[in-house]
Protein backbone atom coordinates (compact mmCIF):
# COMPACT_ATOMS: atom_id res chain seq x y z
CA MET A 1 0.00 -0.01 -0.01
CA ARG A 2 2.88 2.37 0.74
CA LEU A 3 4.37 1.69 -2.68
CA VAL A 4 1.09 2.55 -4.39
CA SER A 5 0.81 5.74 -2.32
CA LEU A 6 4.38 6.71 -3.14
CA LEU A 7 3.87 6.12 -6.86
CA LEU A 8 0.63 8.11 -6.81
CA MET A 9 2.33 10.97 -4.99
CA CYS A 10 5.19 11.02 -7.51
CA ALA A 11 2.76 10.96 -10.42
CA LEU A 12 0.72 13.85 -9.04
CA ALA A 13 3.84 15.87 -8.26
CA ALA A 14 5.28 15.29 -11.70
CA SER A 15 2.12 16.11 -13.66
CA PRO A 16 2.41 19.94 -13.35
CA VAL A 17 6.03 19.77 -14.50
CA ALA A 18 5.05 17.67 -17.52
CA ALA A 19 2.15 19.95 -18.29
CA GLN A 20 4.25 23.08 -18.56
CA GLU A 21 4.50 24.32 -22.10
CA LYS A 22 7.80 25.31 -23.58
CA GLU A 23 7.17 28.44 -25.56
CA SER A 24 9.12 28.92 -28.72
CA PRO A 25 9.44 32.24 -30.59
CA ALA A 26 6.94 31.04 -33.20
CA ARG A 27 4.36 30.19 -30.51
CA SER A 28 4.74 33.51 -28.72
CA SER A 29 3.24 35.38 -31.67
CA GLY A 30 -0.15 33.82 -30.86
CA HIS A 31 -0.35 31.44 -33.82
CA GLY A 32 -0.88 27.72 -33.43
CA ARG A 33 -3.65 27.74 -30.86
CA GLY A 34 -6.26 29.45 -33.02
CA ALA A 35 -7.78 26.16 -34.16
CA MET A 36 -8.79 25.34 -30.57
CA PHE A 37 -10.40 28.75 -30.23
CA TRP A 38 -12.52 28.39 -33.37
CA THR A 39 -13.41 24.78 -32.56
CA GLY A 40 -14.42 25.88 -29.07
CA LEU A 41 -16.49 28.73 -30.47
CA ALA A 42 -18.31 26.43 -32.87
CA LEU A 43 -18.87 23.83 -30.15
CA GLY A 44 -20.15 26.52 -27.74
CA VAL A 45 -22.63 27.93 -30.29
CA ALA A 46 -23.83 24.42 -31.11
CA GLY A 47 -24.29 23.67 -27.40
CA VAL A 48 -26.29 26.82 -26.74
CA THR A 49 -28.41 26.20 -29.84
CA THR A 50 -29.10 22.63 -28.75
CA SER A 51 -30.13 23.78 -25.27
CA VAL A 52 -32.51 26.37 -26.67
CA LEU A 53 -34.05 23.85 -29.07
CA ALA A 54 -34.51 21.35 -26.18
CA THR A 55 -36.58 23.90 -24.25
CA THR A 56 -38.63 25.22 -27.18
CA VAL A 57 -39.06 23.11 -30.29
CA TYR A 58 -38.11 19.56 -29.24
CA ARG A 59 -40.22 19.24 -26.09
CA VAL A 60 -41.35 15.79 -25.00
CA GLU A 61 -44.95 14.62 -24.57
CA ASP A 62 -44.41 11.92 -21.98
CA LYS A 63 -43.91 14.39 -19.10
CA SER A 64 -45.52 17.64 -17.96
CA THR A 65 -43.66 20.89 -17.49
CA GLY A 66 -42.82 22.86 -14.37
CA ASN A 67 -44.94 22.34 -11.30
CA ALA A 68 -47.78 20.64 -13.19
CA PRO A 69 -48.68 17.18 -11.87
CA ALA A 70 -47.59 14.14 -13.82
CA GLY A 71 -49.93 13.40 -16.72
CA THR A 72 -51.24 16.96 -17.09
CA TYR A 73 -50.31 17.09 -20.80
CA GLN A 74 -51.91 13.73 -21.48
CA GLY A 75 -55.06 14.84 -19.61
CA CYS A 76 -55.25 18.00 -21.69
CA ILE A 77 -55.02 15.98 -24.91
CA ALA A 78 -57.70 13.56 -23.63
CA GLN A 79 -60.08 16.47 -22.99
CA ARG A 80 -59.99 17.51 -26.63
CA SER A 81 -62.54 14.81 -27.47
CA ASP A 82 -65.14 16.76 -25.47
CA PRO A 83 -66.61 19.61 -27.57
CA ILE A 84 -66.33 22.04 -24.67
CA TYR A 85 -62.54 21.52 -24.49
CA ALA A 86 -61.92 20.98 -28.19
CA THR A 87 -59.93 24.21 -28.47
CA ASN A 88 -57.46 23.34 -25.68
CA VAL A 89 -53.95 24.44 -26.49
CA CYS A 90 -51.76 21.84 -24.73
CA ASP A 91 -48.32 22.53 -26.22
CA GLY A 92 -47.33 24.71 -23.27
CA LEU A 93 -47.65 21.71 -20.95
CA LYS A 94 -44.98 19.63 -22.74
CA ALA A 95 -41.78 19.12 -20.72
CA LYS A 96 -38.32 20.14 -21.90
CA ASN A 97 -36.17 17.43 -23.40
CA GLN A 98 -33.79 16.74 -20.50
CA ALA A 99 -31.26 14.62 -22.43
CA LEU A 100 -30.97 17.17 -25.25
CA LEU A 101 -30.80 20.04 -22.77
CA TRP A 102 -27.96 18.62 -20.70
CA GLY A 103 -26.13 17.44 -23.81
CA GLY A 104 -26.23 21.02 -25.06
CA VAL A 105 -25.04 22.35 -21.73
CA ALA A 106 -22.10 19.90 -21.75
CA ALA A 107 -21.19 20.82 -25.34
CA GLY A 108 -21.34 24.54 -24.52
CA ALA A 109 -19.13 24.05 -21.44
CA LEU A 110 -16.61 22.05 -23.46
CA GLY A 111 -16.58 24.81 -26.06
CA ALA A 112 -15.92 27.38 -23.36
CA VAL A 113 -13.06 25.31 -21.98
CA LEU A 114 -11.52 25.06 -25.45
CA MET A 115 -11.83 28.77 -26.02
CA ILE A 116 -10.28 29.62 -22.64
CA GLY A 117 -7.50 27.12 -23.18
CA SER A 118 -6.58 28.60 -26.54
CA ALA A 119 -6.46 32.30 -25.78
CA ARG A 120 -3.66 32.59 -23.21
CA THR A 121 -6.35 32.48 -20.54
CA HIS A 122 -6.43 30.19 -17.59
CA ALA A 123 -8.54 29.55 -14.55
CA GLU A 124 -7.16 29.37 -11.03
CA ILE A 125 -9.26 27.55 -8.44
CA THR A 126 -8.45 28.47 -4.84
CA PRO A 127 -10.41 28.01 -1.63
CA GLY A 128 -13.32 30.45 -1.76
CA PHE A 129 -13.28 31.60 -5.37
CA VAL A 130 -12.38 30.96 -9.00
CA ARG A 131 -10.19 33.45 -10.83
CA VAL A 132 -9.93 33.67 -14.64
CA VAL A 133 -6.66 35.29 -15.78
CA HIS A 134 -5.94 36.50 -19.31
CA THR A 135 -2.40 37.36 -20.44
CA VAL A 136 -1.88 40.22 -22.89
CA ARG A 137 1.53 40.56 -24.50
CA PHE A 138 2.92 43.58 -26.36
């Protein structure tokens, strides 16, 4: 057990050293990381679009939305057979598509991470707060 703990400690201590990037003169001009920025931007836009579509157009009929009891949407549809309730508009009772929504949120977050990672920006997590630092070179 001590050997495993020692190896784990060495691996964790060595990872920041291995992760440091050696900056060459060609990299200091800002070229070379632009592809990650544009990929992140495209992924972020796609994620936000997917999330919006999940809450508007691609709603699901098997659940009810918000604080409505389960089966409210199905009950509204069933009432349409009665002539009094034939004009019921039930689309507002459909629930958002949870899988599509959280998939879009994850894609948007990944896009943000790619954009931050490509633009000489990094996040520092310390007890109590998160700091985002951007480096500007002249």
